[in-house]
Protein backbone atom coordinates (compact mmCIF):
# COMPACT_ATOMS: atom_id res chain seq x y z
CA UNK A 1 12.50 -28.48 -19.65
CA UNK A 2 12.56 -24.99 -18.13
CA UNK A 3 11.67 -24.22 -14.54
CA UNK A 4 8.63 -22.31 -15.71
CA UNK A 5 7.39 -25.30 -17.73
CA UNK A 6 7.87 -27.62 -14.78
CA UNK A 7 6.02 -25.22 -12.53
CA UNK A 8 3.20 -24.88 -15.04
CA UNK A 9 2.77 -28.67 -14.99
CA UNK A 10 2.64 -28.70 -11.21
CA UNK A 11 -0.01 -25.99 -10.88
CA UNK A 12 -3.58 -26.18 -11.94
CA UNK A 13 -3.92 -29.78 -10.62
CA UNK A 14 -7.23 -28.72 -9.08
CA UNK A 15 -9.35 -27.51 -11.98
CA UNK A 16 -11.54 -24.64 -10.90
CA UNK A 17 -13.87 -22.96 -13.36
CA UNK A 18 -13.21 -19.37 -14.35
CA UNK A 19 -16.75 -18.55 -13.29
CA UNK A 20 -15.96 -19.79 -9.76
CA UNK A 21 -12.82 -17.66 -9.65
CA UNK A 22 -14.73 -14.60 -10.88
CA UNK A 23 -17.50 -15.11 -8.34
CA UNK A 24 -15.32 -15.86 -5.32
CA UNK A 25 -12.68 -13.19 -5.94
CA UNK A 26 -15.41 -10.58 -6.55
CA UNK A 27 -16.95 -11.60 -3.23
CA UNK A 28 -13.59 -11.12 -1.52
CA UNK A 29 -13.28 -7.70 -3.14
CA UNK A 30 -16.68 -6.73 -1.73
CA UNK A 31 -16.15 -7.92 1.86
CA UNK A 32 -12.40 -7.31 2.21
CA UNK A 33 -12.57 -4.50 4.75
CA UNK A 34 -9.65 -4.04 7.13
CA UNK A 35 -6.63 -4.10 4.83
CA UNK A 36 -4.01 -6.83 4.28
CA UNK A 37 -4.57 -8.85 7.50
CA UNK A 38 -8.24 -9.25 6.63
CA UNK A 39 -7.49 -10.12 3.00
CA UNK A 40 -4.97 -12.79 3.98
CA UNK A 41 -7.38 -14.31 6.50
CA UNK A 42 -10.21 -14.42 3.93
CA UNK A 43 -7.98 -15.97 1.27
CA UNK A 44 -6.70 -18.60 3.69
CA UNK A 45 -10.19 -19.52 4.84
CA UNK A 46 -11.42 -19.89 1.26
CA UNK A 47 -8.43 -21.46 -0.50
CA UNK A 48 -6.95 -23.58 2.30
CA UNK A 49 -9.60 -24.37 4.89
CA UNK A 50 -12.93 -24.48 3.05
CA UNK A 51 -12.16 -25.30 -0.61
CA UNK A 52 -8.79 -27.02 0.00
CA UNK A 53 -7.50 -25.68 -3.30
CA UNK A 54 -4.04 -24.89 -1.88
CA UNK A 55 -1.96 -26.66 0.76
CA UNK A 56 -1.40 -24.72 3.98
CA UNK A 57 2.39 -24.84 3.63
CA UNK A 58 2.23 -23.52 0.06
CA UNK A 59 -0.05 -20.71 1.18
CA UNK A 60 2.37 -19.71 3.95
CA UNK A 61 5.28 -19.82 1.51
CA UNK A 62 3.32 -17.59 -0.87
CA UNK A 63 2.76 -15.03 1.91
CA UNK A 64 6.49 -14.95 2.60
CA UNK A 65 7.30 -14.62 -1.10
CA UNK A 66 4.90 -11.76 -1.91
CA UNK A 67 6.26 -9.86 1.07
CA UNK A 68 9.61 -9.85 -0.73
CA UNK A 69 8.06 -8.09 -3.72
CA UNK A 70 7.34 -4.37 -4.00
CA UNK A 71 3.72 -3.35 -4.20
CA UNK A 72 0.56 -4.40 -2.30
CA UNK A 73 1.33 -7.83 -0.81
CA UNK A 74 -2.24 -8.96 -0.09
CA UNK A 75 -3.32 -8.07 -3.65
CA UNK A 76 -0.40 -10.07 -5.02
CA UNK A 77 -1.40 -12.97 -2.78
CA UNK A 78 -4.94 -12.83 -4.20
CA UNK A 79 -3.50 -12.85 -7.72
CA UNK A 80 -1.18 -15.75 -6.83
CA UNK A 81 -4.00 -17.89 -5.43
CA UNK A 82 -5.98 -17.41 -8.64
CA UNK A 83 -2.80 -18.14 -10.67
CA UNK A 84 -2.34 -21.34 -8.71
CA UNK A 85 -5.76 -22.51 -9.86
CA UNK A 86 -5.84 -21.44 -13.52
CA UNK A 87 -2.43 -19.92 -14.24
CA UNK A 88 -2.30 -16.76 -16.38
CA UNK A 89 -6.01 -16.43 -17.20
CA UNK A 90 -6.98 -17.21 -13.63
CA UNK A 91 -4.49 -14.70 -12.23
CA UNK A 92 -5.73 -11.86 -14.43
CA UNK A 93 -9.39 -12.68 -13.83
CA UNK A 94 -9.00 -13.15 -10.07
CA UNK A 95 -6.92 -10.02 -9.64
CA UNK A 96 -9.31 -7.82 -11.61
CA UNK A 97 -12.33 -9.19 -9.75
CA UNK A 98 -10.63 -8.62 -6.40
CA UNK A 99 -9.76 -5.00 -7.23
CA UNK A 100 -12.86 -3.94 -9.20
CA UNK A 101 -15.55 -3.61 -6.44
CA UNK A 102 -13.37 -1.36 -4.29
CA UNK A 103 -12.33 0.68 -7.32
CA UNK A 104 -15.95 1.39 -8.30
CA UNK A 105 -16.90 2.33 -4.74
CA UNK A 106 -13.89 4.57 -4.16
CA UNK A 107 -14.44 6.44 -7.44
CA UNK A 108 -18.08 7.08 -6.48
CA UNK A 109 -17.01 8.33 -3.05
CA UNK A 110 -14.30 10.45 -4.65
CA UNK A 111 -16.94 12.22 -6.73
CA UNK A 112 -18.88 12.98 -3.53
CA UNK A 113 -16.00 14.01 -1.27
CA UNK A 114 -14.10 16.00 -3.91
CA UNK A 115 -17.15 17.81 -5.28
CA UNK A 116 -16.95 21.61 -5.39
CA UNK A 117 -19.81 22.02 -2.92
CA UNK A 118 -20.38 18.78 -0.97
CA UNK A 119 -23.03 18.73 1.79
CA UNK A 120 -21.92 20.17 5.12
CA UNK A 121 -22.17 16.85 6.93
CA UNK A 122 -19.95 15.23 4.27
CA UNK A 123 -17.31 17.85 4.99
CA UNK A 124 -17.63 17.03 8.69
CA UNK A 125 -17.24 13.30 8.08
CA UNK A 126 -14.19 13.93 5.92
CA UNK A 127 -12.56 16.27 8.44
CA UNK A 128 -13.25 13.87 11.31
CA UNK A 129 -11.92 10.79 9.53
CA UNK A 130 -8.98 12.80 8.20
CA UNK A 131 -8.05 13.81 11.73
CA UNK A 132 -7.48 10.14 12.60
CA UNK A 133 -5.24 9.44 9.59
CA UNK A 134 -1.92 10.39 11.27
CA UNK A 135 -2.76 7.88 14.01
CA UNK A 136 -3.45 5.26 11.32
CA UNK A 137 0.02 5.93 9.90
CA UNK A 138 1.66 5.41 13.29
CA UNK A 139 -0.39 2.24 13.85
CA UNK A 140 0.60 0.86 10.45
CA UNK A 141 4.27 1.57 11.12
CA UNK A 142 4.21 -0.06 14.55
CA UNK A 143 2.68 -3.21 13.10
CA UNK A 144 5.64 -3.64 10.74
CA UNK A 145 8.35 -3.25 13.37
CA UNK A 146 8.60 -6.81 14.82
CA UNK A 147 9.23 -8.67 11.56
CA UNK A 148 11.63 -6.01 10.25
CA UNK A 149 13.57 -5.93 13.53
CA UNK A 150 13.90 -9.72 13.35
CA UNK A 151 15.05 -9.63 9.72
CA UNK A 152 17.96 -7.23 10.26
CA UNK A 153 19.80 -9.58 12.65
CA UNK A 154 20.92 -9.55 16.28
CA UNK A 155 24.39 -7.98 16.03
CA UNK A 156 24.81 -4.52 17.55
CA UNK A 157 25.89 -3.02 14.22
CA UNK A 158 22.89 -4.51 12.40
CA UNK A 159 20.42 -3.10 14.91
CA UNK A 160 22.18 0.27 14.86
CA UNK A 161 21.74 0.34 11.06
CA UNK A 162 18.06 -0.57 11.48
CA UNK A 163 17.55 2.47 13.70
CA UNK A 164 19.53 4.65 11.29
CA UNK A 165 17.50 3.50 8.27
CA UNK A 166 14.26 4.16 10.19
CA UNK A 167 15.32 7.68 11.14
CA UNK A 168 16.41 8.44 7.57
CA UNK A 169 13.06 7.22 6.21
CA UNK A 170 11.12 9.28 8.76
CA UNK A 171 13.11 12.43 8.00
CA UNK A 172 12.69 11.92 4.26
CA UNK A 173 8.92 11.46 4.50
CA UNK A 174 8.58 14.55 6.66
CA UNK A 175 10.92 16.85 4.74
CA UNK A 176 11.83 15.72 1.20
CA UNK A 177 8.77 13.91 -0.13
CA UNK A 178 9.68 13.86 -3.86
CA UNK A 179 12.93 12.00 -3.19
CA UNK A 180 11.56 9.40 -0.78
CA UNK A 181 11.83 6.59 -3.33
CA UNK A 182 15.53 7.34 -3.77
CA UNK A 183 16.01 7.26 -0.01
CA UNK A 184 14.30 3.88 0.31
CA UNK A 185 16.30 2.44 -2.57
CA UNK A 186 19.55 3.85 -1.20
CA UNK A 187 19.00 2.27 2.21
CA UNK A 188 18.41 -1.10 0.58
CA UNK A 189 21.43 -0.74 -1.70
CA UNK A 190 23.63 0.38 1.19
CA UNK A 191 22.69 -2.73 3.15
CA UNK A 192 23.56 -4.87 0.12
CA UNK A 193 26.95 -3.18 -0.04
CA UNK A 194 27.50 -3.68 3.68
CA UNK A 195 26.83 -7.39 3.27
CA UNK A 196 29.08 -7.47 0.20
CA UNK A 197 26.37 -8.72 -2.11
CA UNK A 198 25.89 -5.72 -4.43
CA UNK A 199 28.80 -4.57 -6.53
CA UNK A 200 26.46 -2.64 -8.85
CA UNK A 201 24.80 -0.58 -6.15
CA UNK A 202 26.30 2.77 -7.19
CA UNK A 203 25.35 2.37 -10.83
CA UNK A 204 21.84 1.32 -9.87
CA UNK A 205 21.53 4.36 -7.64
CA UNK A 206 22.65 6.62 -10.48
CA UNK A 207 20.16 5.07 -12.89
CA UNK A 208 17.27 5.43 -10.46
CA UNK A 209 18.25 9.02 -9.77
CA UNK A 210 18.23 9.86 -13.46
CA UNK A 211 14.77 8.35 -13.90
CA UNK A 212 13.40 10.19 -10.87
CA UNK A 213 14.89 13.52 -11.90
CA UNK A 214 13.30 13.19 -15.33
CA UNK A 215 9.93 12.17 -13.95
CA UNK A 216 9.71 15.12 -11.59
CA UNK A 217 9.69 17.43 -14.61
CA UNK A 218 6.63 15.75 -16.11
CA UNK A 219 3.09 17.04 -15.84
CA UNK A 220 -0.52 16.02 -16.43
CA UNK A 221 -1.24 12.34 -16.98
CA UNK A 222 2.48 11.60 -17.36
CA UNK A 223 3.01 12.84 -13.83
CA UNK A 224 0.04 10.86 -12.56
CA UNK A 225 1.41 7.72 -14.22
CA UNK A 226 4.78 8.26 -12.52
CA UNK A 227 3.18 8.70 -9.09
CA UNK A 228 1.08 5.57 -9.65
CA UNK A 229 4.15 3.64 -10.80
CA UNK A 230 5.97 4.54 -7.58
CA UNK A 231 2.98 3.27 -5.63
CA UNK A 232 2.76 -0.02 -7.53
CA UNK A 233 6.35 -0.89 -8.35
CA UNK A 234 8.57 0.89 -5.84
CA UNK A 235 6.71 0.62 -2.53
CA UNK A 236 8.37 -1.82 -0.15
CA UNK A 237 6.58 -2.89 2.99
CA UNK A 238 2.98 -2.41 4.08
CA UNK A 239 0.29 -0.86 1.96
CA UNK A 240 0.41 2.38 3.94
CA UNK A 241 3.83 3.24 2.49
CA UNK A 242 1.91 4.65 -0.47
CA UNK A 243 0.98 7.65 1.69
CA UNK A 244 4.43 9.25 1.92
CA UNK A 245 5.08 8.24 -1.69
CA UNK A 246 2.02 10.18 -2.90
CA UNK A 247 1.53 13.00 -0.45
CA UNK A 248 4.11 15.55 -1.59
CA UNK A 249 3.43 14.93 -5.28
CA UNK A 250 -0.35 15.17 -4.96
CA UNK A 251 -0.43 18.22 -2.68
CA UNK A 252 2.76 20.26 -3.17
CA UNK A 253 4.35 19.36 -6.50
CA UNK A 254 1.30 19.05 -8.79
CA UNK A 255 -1.43 20.70 -6.65
CA UNK A 256 -4.01 18.08 -7.56
CA UNK A 257 -5.59 18.34 -4.13
CA UNK A 258 -5.29 20.21 -0.85
CA UNK A 259 -3.74 18.70 2.24
CA UNK A 260 -7.21 18.21 3.74
CA UNK A 261 -8.43 16.46 0.59
CA UNK A 262 -5.42 14.15 0.71
CA UNK A 263 -6.39 13.19 4.26
CA UNK A 264 -9.84 12.35 2.85
CA UNK A 265 -8.23 10.21 0.15
CA UNK A 266 -6.25 8.19 2.69
CA UNK A 267 -9.33 7.72 4.86
CA UNK A 268 -11.37 6.53 1.87
CA UNK A 269 -8.66 4.02 0.98
CA UNK A 270 -8.84 2.62 4.50
CA UNK A 271 -12.61 2.35 4.96
CA UNK A 272 -13.49 0.90 1.55
CA UNK A 273 -13.06 -2.82 0.79
CA UNK A 274 -10.23 -4.19 -1.29
CA UNK A 275 -6.61 -3.04 -1.52
CA UNK A 276 -5.46 0.05 0.39
CA UNK A 277 -3.51 0.99 -2.75
CA UNK A 278 -6.84 2.06 -4.25
CA UNK A 279 -6.11 5.38 -2.54
CA UNK A 280 -4.25 6.19 -5.76
CA UNK A 281 -7.62 6.20 -7.55
CA UNK A 282 -8.75 9.12 -5.36
CA UNK A 283 -5.57 11.01 -6.23
CA UNK A 284 -6.10 10.16 -9.89
CA UNK A 285 -9.69 11.37 -9.73
CA UNK A 286 -8.50 14.70 -8.27
CA UNK A 287 -5.92 14.97 -11.06
CA UNK A 288 -8.11 14.01 -14.00
CA UNK A 289 -11.60 12.86 -13.08
CA UNK A 290 -12.76 9.32 -13.83
CA UNK A 291 -10.07 8.87 -16.47
CA UNK A 292 -7.40 9.90 -13.98
CA UNK A 293 -8.75 7.52 -11.34
CA UNK A 294 -8.81 4.60 -13.77
CA UNK A 295 -5.33 5.45 -15.09
CA UNK A 296 -3.91 5.65 -11.58
CA UNK A 297 -5.36 2.26 -10.65
CA UNK A 298 -4.24 0.65 -13.92
CA UNK A 299 -0.64 1.82 -13.58
CA UNK A 300 -0.44 1.07 -9.85
CA UNK A 301 -1.72 -2.51 -10.10
CA UNK A 302 -0.09 -3.62 -13.36
CA UNK A 303 3.28 -4.35 -11.68
CA UNK A 304 1.56 -6.68 -9.20
CA UNK A 305 0.16 -8.77 -12.03
CA UNK A 306 3.53 -8.86 -13.79
CA UNK A 307 5.40 -9.78 -10.59
CA UNK A 308 3.11 -12.76 -10.02
CA UNK A 309 2.89 -13.93 -13.63
CA UNK A 310 6.67 -13.93 -14.02
CA UNK A 311 7.72 -14.51 -10.43
CA UNK A 312 5.33 -17.14 -9.05
CA UNK A 313 7.13 -20.08 -10.72
CA UNK A 314 10.35 -18.84 -9.15
CA UNK A 315 9.21 -18.04 -5.62
CA UNK A 316 11.65 -20.52 -4.06
CA UNK A 317 14.61 -18.82 -5.72
CA UNK A 318 13.30 -15.35 -4.84
CA UNK A 319 13.07 -16.25 -1.15
CA UNK A 320 16.54 -17.79 -1.15
CA UNK A 321 18.21 -14.84 -2.89
CA UNK A 322 20.60 -13.21 -0.41
CA UNK A 323 20.75 -9.95 -2.36
CA UNK A 324 16.98 -9.54 -2.16
CA UNK A 325 17.04 -10.37 1.53
CA UNK A 326 19.81 -7.82 2.13
CA UNK A 327 17.97 -5.12 0.18
CA UNK A 328 14.79 -5.62 2.20
CA UNK A 329 16.78 -5.60 5.44
CA UNK A 330 17.82 -2.03 4.57
CA UNK A 331 14.73 -0.76 2.77
CA UNK A 332 12.28 -2.28 5.29
CA UNK A 333 13.14 -0.11 8.31
CA UNK A 334 13.36 2.95 6.04
CA UNK A 335 9.81 2.19 4.90
CA UNK A 336 8.63 1.90 8.50
CA UNK A 337 10.27 5.22 9.32
CA UNK A 338 8.69 6.80 6.24
CA UNK A 339 5.22 5.63 7.22
CA UNK A 340 5.67 6.99 10.75
CA UNK A 341 7.24 10.20 9.45
CA UNK A 342 4.29 10.81 7.14
CA UNK A 343 2.21 11.50 10.26
CA UNK A 344 3.93 14.89 10.54
CA UNK A 345 2.82 16.42 7.20
CA UNK A 346 -0.54 14.66 7.58
CA UNK A 347 -1.04 16.38 10.92
CA UNK A 348 0.10 19.71 9.53
CA UNK A 349 -2.74 19.47 6.99
CA UNK A 350 -5.34 19.91 9.76
CA UNK A 351 -7.54 22.96 9.22
CA UNK A 352 -9.43 23.05 12.53
CA UNK A 353 -8.33 22.89 16.16
CA UNK A 354 -11.04 20.36 17.03
CA UNK A 355 -9.23 17.83 14.85
CA UNK A 356 -6.37 17.67 17.39
CA UNK A 357 -8.46 16.04 20.17
CA UNK A 358 -9.96 13.70 17.57
CA UNK A 359 -6.41 12.65 16.69
CA UNK A 360 -5.65 12.11 20.37
CA UNK A 361 -8.76 9.94 20.66
CA UNK A 362 -7.68 7.94 17.62
CA UNK A 363 -4.28 7.29 19.20
CA UNK A 364 -6.01 5.95 22.29
CA UNK A 365 -8.36 3.87 20.11
CA UNK A 366 -5.50 2.20 18.21
CA UNK A 367 -2.70 1.94 20.77
CA UNK A 368 -4.48 1.67 24.14
CA UNK A 369 -7.81 0.04 23.34
CA UNK A 370 -6.31 -1.93 20.41
CA UNK A 371 -9.34 -1.47 18.16
CA UNK A 372 -9.25 -1.68 14.36
CA UNK A 373 -8.46 0.97 11.78
CA UNK A 374 -11.80 0.89 9.96
CA UNK A 375 -13.84 1.26 13.14
CA UNK A 376 -11.58 4.07 14.33
CA UNK A 377 -11.99 6.02 11.11
CA UNK A 378 -15.76 5.53 11.16
CA UNK A 379 -15.99 6.77 14.74
CA UNK A 380 -13.82 9.80 13.93
CA UNK A 381 -15.95 10.49 10.86
CA UNK A 382 -19.08 10.24 13.02
CA UNK A 383 -17.64 12.80 15.44
CA UNK A 384 -17.06 15.12 12.49
CA UNK A 385 -20.66 14.70 11.31
CA UNK A 386 -22.03 15.52 14.78
CA UNK A 387 -19.84 18.63 15.04
CA UNK A 388 -20.87 19.75 11.56
CA UNK A 389 -24.57 19.37 12.41
CA UNK A 390 -24.08 21.46 15.58
CA UNK A 391 -22.61 24.32 13.60
CA UNK A 392 -18.89 23.85 14.31
CA UNK A 393 -16.76 24.98 11.34
CA UNK A 394 -15.65 22.07 9.16
């Protein structure tokens, strides 16, 4: 009997109705403000503490496993928990219900914020919240440092490589946006080679380069699909890594939106419930209206479903794979650097001088006062509304 068959017999011991999965995962999608930490806490409370559907140790192992996969980890964890209860049908139903409320809300807000002539106070809210986005990037990067620093090892050479990978990622995000994916992959492949686990690294790099070079020449919905695929299948690390992966394409390469509008998109992805990756729906809406938003979300989230459906029965082997561990040891710090480096082009997108002190206030809010991202963006947006109503240019 195959490993998959054995795993299928071991899951689904606790029969939960599909209606229950639809109801509870939709509820999570509606109240899941605050990004991955909030999503993980809500899933644990429901599945482990209250309903006792999943053992605590299995839940912790699942967190570790999804963090080894590219794409939005907390979304994959939500899909895994539903898969654990009703396998394939449960995973698809739970994942869709978790994503759908935030997708609807963010598309509605996209129509408001990206309208040709939005109300003046809306422009103020967008400019205020957008001013805090570079601080959000730095906060997201800092939160990923401890685990990545621990993963790389304690030897002097290992920690020197960690710093090098981080600097390379930061420089790439700030200067060569279209090739960031190649940089992240190359750092991971280089670490594999250093640890003598990846004899095929050069051929893999060549293949990825050929795909990327072809994709850059695309346009329209093909281009949108490629950007969404990078977000969903090639983003390693926290959800905020999608920002440097999208920014150059959305603003400079394809001109779907202005730099200020991209700041709005990132802010909307942070303050709405559900996965942060839903930011791609705002970019998709700017590129092609409702159809573009739906296409972006479909392409970005499909890899997460596939990773769980095919990978969940093999999580133990994924976690034990030394090549995967080596790749993430190299790609992880590059991702952190890329997230931090994205703060530079995000800041350069400011259109008004008053946004600079708002950014300074956001840095204090996140790093000194230790308050949350959602509250910080709402406060910054409120400052923008007040300034707009007093006649300050927005």
